[in-house]
Amino acid sequence: MNIYKGLSNKINYNNIYSNYENGIYFFESIGVKNFKHNWWGSRFGPSGFLNLRGDKITGLNQNGVIITTLPIQKLLFCHPWEKQKIDFNDS
């Protein structure tokens, strides 16, 4: 999922997993990042948080420099996350 120049980003209740490099990639994204209630391919959430195995969240600033997101920041805008893949056929 790519986000370009977003002011407020809310991506919820998705299955984000098995991506080659990133689950979410943002460029020049500022403001609120709400990536809660997603399945990241791991019951422990996105990778980069405690070095676990879910899909990665990466960002670049306006100069093309990689934004390092601290694990606690990822926790704040990703937690709570889904502990298993979301079944959209469940009624």
Protein backbone atom coordinates (compact mmCIF):
# COMPACT_ATOMS: atom_id res chain seq x y z
CA MET A 1 0.00 0.00 0.00
CA ASN A 2 1.53 3.34 -1.02
CA ILE A 3 0.58 6.66 0.55
CA TYR A 4 1.74 9.90 -1.07
CA LYS A 5 1.53 13.31 0.58
CA GLY A 6 -1.18 12.26 3.01
CA LEU A 7 -2.22 14.60 5.80
CA SER A 8 -4.22 12.07 7.74
CA ASN A 9 -3.84 8.38 7.00
CA LYS A 10 -6.34 5.86 8.29
CA ILE A 11 -5.98 2.29 7.01
CA ASN A 12 -7.95 -0.17 9.12
CA TYR A 13 -9.31 -3.73 8.94
CA ASN A 14 -7.13 -5.00 6.09
CA ASN A 15 -5.00 -8.08 5.50
CA ILE A 16 -1.55 -6.62 4.82
CA TYR A 17 0.88 -9.51 4.40
CA SER A 18 3.18 -11.41 2.01
CA ASN A 19 4.40 -8.22 0.34
CA TYR A 20 7.88 -8.23 -1.16
CA GLU A 21 9.36 -5.18 0.59
CA ASN A 22 6.71 -3.24 2.53
CA GLY A 23 3.20 -3.63 3.78
CA ILE A 24 2.77 0.15 3.90
CA TYR A 25 5.07 2.67 2.25
CA PHE A 26 4.51 6.39 2.78
CA PHE A 27 6.17 9.38 1.12
CA GLU A 28 5.94 12.88 2.60
CA SER A 29 3.18 11.65 4.86
CA ILE A 30 2.51 13.86 7.85
CA GLY A 31 -0.13 14.04 10.50
CA VAL A 32 -2.10 11.17 11.95
CA LYS A 33 -1.12 7.63 11.04
CA ASN A 34 -3.76 5.15 12.07
CA PHE A 35 -2.94 1.65 10.86
CA LYS A 36 -4.84 -0.16 13.64
CA HIS A 37 -6.83 -3.40 13.40
CA ASN A 38 -4.90 -4.79 10.41
CA TRP A 39 -3.49 -8.28 9.97
CA TRP A 40 0.25 -7.93 9.27
CA GLY A 41 1.06 -11.57 8.55
CA SER A 42 2.07 -12.13 12.17
CA ARG A 43 0.03 -12.21 15.35
CA PHE A 44 2.75 -9.99 16.82
CA GLY A 45 2.08 -7.09 14.42
CA PRO A 46 4.21 -5.39 11.78
CA SER A 47 7.94 -6.07 11.52
CA GLY A 48 10.24 -3.54 13.06
CA PHE A 49 8.27 -3.79 16.29
CA LEU A 50 10.40 -5.96 18.54
CA ASN A 51 11.99 -7.42 15.35
CA LEU A 52 9.03 -9.66 14.63
CA ARG A 53 7.93 -11.06 11.28
CA GLY A 54 4.90 -9.14 10.03
CA ASP A 55 5.00 -6.88 6.97
CA LYS A 56 7.11 -3.74 7.24
CA ILE A 57 6.09 -0.08 7.37
CA THR A 58 8.54 2.27 5.64
CA GLY A 59 8.50 5.97 4.87
CA LEU A 60 10.52 8.60 3.02
CA ASN A 61 10.60 12.32 3.66
CA GLN A 62 10.47 15.01 0.95
CA ASN A 63 14.24 14.64 0.35
CA GLY A 64 14.00 10.90 -0.27
CA VAL A 65 15.59 10.06 3.09
CA ILE A 66 14.25 6.98 4.86
CA ILE A 67 12.23 7.88 7.93
CA THR A 68 13.23 5.71 10.84
CA THR A 69 10.17 4.87 12.81
CA LEU A 70 10.93 3.89 16.36
CA PRO A 71 9.30 0.70 17.65
CA ILE A 72 7.26 2.68 20.18
CA GLN A 73 5.89 4.89 17.36
CA LYS A 74 4.83 1.80 15.42
CA LEU A 75 3.15 0.49 18.53
CA LEU A 76 1.22 3.74 18.92
CA PHE A 77 -0.15 3.87 15.37
CA CYS A 78 -0.55 0.12 14.76
CA HIS A 79 -1.76 -1.31 18.05
CA PRO A 80 -4.11 -3.00 18.52
CA TRP A 81 -3.61 -5.23 15.48
CA GLU A 82 -5.47 -8.35 14.48
CA LYS A 83 -4.07 -11.62 15.85
CA GLN A 84 -5.19 -13.63 12.80
CA LYS A 85 -6.10 -13.05 9.18
CA ILE A 86 -9.42 -11.24 8.75
CA ASP A 87 -12.10 -13.42 7.17
CA PHE A 88 -14.24 -11.14 5.03
CA ASN A 89 -16.60 -14.02 4.16
CA ASP A 90 -17.65 -14.51 7.78
CA SER A 91 -21.26 -13.36 8.18
